[in-house]
Every structure is written in C-alpha cells, then in structure tokens.
Amino acid sequence: MDRLRSIAAKGVYLQIDHIGFEVQQRDRQRAKTVAGLIKDGHVSQLLLSMDLCAKSRLHWHDGHGYDYMLAGFAPLLAEEGVSQSEMDTMMIDNPRRALAYEV
C-alpha cells in the first residue's frame, strides 16, 4: 500500500487491474486497497479494470462475466465504505477524463 500511495502522490492515474481474477490478490483485498486510496484523497486518480481476455472468463464458460464489476466488486467496495458517488467517479468520470483525446 505504501508503494501505491507514493505513486499516487505524483498525481498520476492508478489502475487497479485483474478485478475478478483471484490468482494474485483477492477482490476483498483489492476493495480494501481501493477504499484506503480513496480515504487518502486519490479517488480522482483511480481506474478499475477486469482484464477479461479469455473466453473462460465469460459467463457461458463458467467465468465471472462482464457484469462482475457492478454485480460482484461494487458491493465489496460498498462494504468498505465507498460511496456511490465515489464509485461513479472511478467508473465513469475517471475513464472519461483518462481517455479524452483532443486534437
């Protein structure tokens, strides 16, 4: 967590990836990490992603599917005290800003 805090202090985006993928870090711990970063004031820097890169991750192959972010991970965030407004910031506003392209 200290490493993430030191990176966030530089003002860059932090992408929390592999949500729904339980090999390296469980989602409950990811939710605690996200909540901690939000409490530190970094909600506007957080991006969330699931890394759905194989058909085994899809519902029809017994995976968690595209809806897992809202159906599975968002409730874990709520349990950690993350508000709906903060979720909207991470899932709507931050990607919009990060992907904005001006010519």
Protein backbone atom coordinates (compact mmCIF):
# COMPACT_ATOMS: atom_id res chain seq x y z
CA MET A 1 0.00 0.00 0.00
CA ASP A 2 2.87 2.39 0.73
CA ARG A 3 4.14 1.94 -2.81
CA LEU A 4 0.73 2.80 -4.26
CA ARG A 5 0.50 5.86 -2.01
CA SER A 6 3.90 7.11 -3.15
CA ILE A 7 2.92 6.67 -6.80
CA ALA A 8 -0.46 8.37 -6.24
CA ALA A 9 1.33 11.30 -4.58
CA LYS A 10 2.83 12.08 -8.01
CA GLY A 11 -0.68 12.80 -9.34
CA VAL A 12 -0.85 10.01 -11.93
CA TYR A 13 -3.70 7.57 -12.53
CA LEU A 14 -3.56 4.24 -10.70
CA GLN A 15 -5.20 1.34 -12.47
CA ILE A 16 -6.46 -1.47 -10.27
CA ASP A 17 -6.50 -4.41 -12.69
CA HIS A 18 -7.40 -8.10 -12.58
CA ILE A 19 -10.63 -7.50 -10.67
CA GLY A 20 -12.40 -10.85 -10.62
CA PHE A 21 -9.13 -12.70 -11.13
CA GLU A 22 -8.28 -14.38 -7.85
CA VAL A 23 -4.72 -15.60 -8.50
CA GLN A 24 -2.53 -12.77 -7.19
CA GLN A 25 -4.79 -10.82 -4.88
CA ARG A 26 -8.34 -11.50 -3.80
CA ASP A 27 -11.05 -8.97 -4.58
CA ARG A 28 -11.80 -8.30 -0.93
CA GLN A 29 -8.20 -7.12 -0.51
CA ARG A 30 -8.46 -5.09 -3.74
CA ALA A 31 -11.57 -3.41 -2.33
CA LYS A 32 -9.71 -2.58 0.91
CA THR A 33 -6.84 -1.15 -1.14
CA VAL A 34 -9.19 0.99 -3.24
CA ALA A 35 -11.01 2.21 -0.11
CA GLY A 36 -7.70 3.12 1.50
CA LEU A 37 -6.59 5.10 -1.54
CA ILE A 38 -9.93 6.91 -1.57
CA LYS A 39 -9.56 7.77 2.13
CA ASP A 40 -6.13 9.19 1.26
CA GLY A 41 -7.80 11.52 -1.26
CA HIS A 42 -6.97 9.73 -4.53
CA VAL A 43 -10.45 8.85 -5.83
CA SER A 44 -9.98 11.06 -8.91
CA GLN A 45 -6.88 9.03 -9.88
CA LEU A 46 -8.30 5.50 -9.67
CA LEU A 47 -9.21 3.37 -12.70
CA LEU A 48 -10.72 -0.10 -12.32
CA SER A 49 -10.42 -2.94 -14.82
CA MET A 50 -11.11 -6.66 -15.03
CA ASP A 51 -8.74 -7.98 -17.69
CA LEU A 52 -11.34 -10.10 -19.48
CA CYS A 53 -9.01 -11.62 -22.03
CA ALA A 54 -10.07 -15.26 -22.30
CA LYS A 55 -13.35 -16.94 -23.10
CA SER A 56 -13.03 -18.88 -19.83
CA ARG A 57 -13.84 -15.59 -18.06
CA LEU A 58 -17.24 -15.29 -19.78
CA HIS A 59 -20.50 -16.48 -18.18
CA TRP A 60 -21.14 -19.15 -20.81
CA HIS A 61 -17.78 -20.70 -19.93
CA ASP A 62 -18.46 -20.50 -16.16
CA GLY A 63 -16.48 -17.28 -15.71
CA HIS A 64 -17.48 -14.13 -13.84
CA GLY A 65 -18.52 -12.21 -17.00
CA TYR A 66 -18.59 -8.58 -17.99
CA ASP A 67 -21.09 -7.63 -15.29
CA TYR A 68 -18.82 -8.66 -12.41
CA MET A 69 -17.55 -5.13 -11.81
CA LEU A 70 -21.05 -3.95 -10.88
CA ALA A 71 -22.55 -7.19 -9.61
CA GLY A 72 -19.57 -8.53 -7.66
CA PHE A 73 -16.92 -5.91 -6.99
CA ALA A 74 -19.07 -2.83 -6.36
CA PRO A 75 -20.77 -4.49 -3.35
CA LEU A 76 -17.32 -5.21 -1.87
CA LEU A 77 -16.44 -1.55 -2.29
CA ALA A 78 -19.69 -0.55 -0.58
CA GLU A 79 -18.84 -2.87 2.34
CA GLU A 80 -15.57 -0.94 2.68
CA GLY A 81 -17.45 2.36 2.90
CA VAL A 82 -17.02 3.52 -0.71
CA SER A 83 -19.99 5.74 -1.65
CA GLN A 84 -21.97 5.59 -4.87
CA SER A 85 -20.56 8.99 -5.80
CA GLU A 86 -17.01 7.67 -5.38
CA MET A 87 -17.87 4.59 -7.46
CA ASP A 88 -19.26 6.84 -10.19
CA THR A 89 -16.06 8.87 -10.12
CA MET A 90 -13.93 5.74 -10.61
CA MET A 91 -16.18 4.01 -13.13
CA ILE A 92 -17.47 6.94 -15.19
CA ASP A 93 -15.65 10.23 -14.63
CA ASN A 94 -12.07 8.99 -14.39
CA PRO A 95 -12.18 6.82 -17.54
CA ARG A 96 -13.84 9.69 -19.39
CA ARG A 97 -11.00 12.03 -18.42
CA ALA A 98 -8.25 9.46 -18.93
CA LEU A 99 -9.48 8.56 -22.41
CA ALA A 100 -10.30 12.10 -23.53
CA TYR A 101 -8.50 12.98 -26.70
CA GLU A 102 -8.24 16.43 -28.10
CA VAL A 103 -6.62 17.29 -31.40
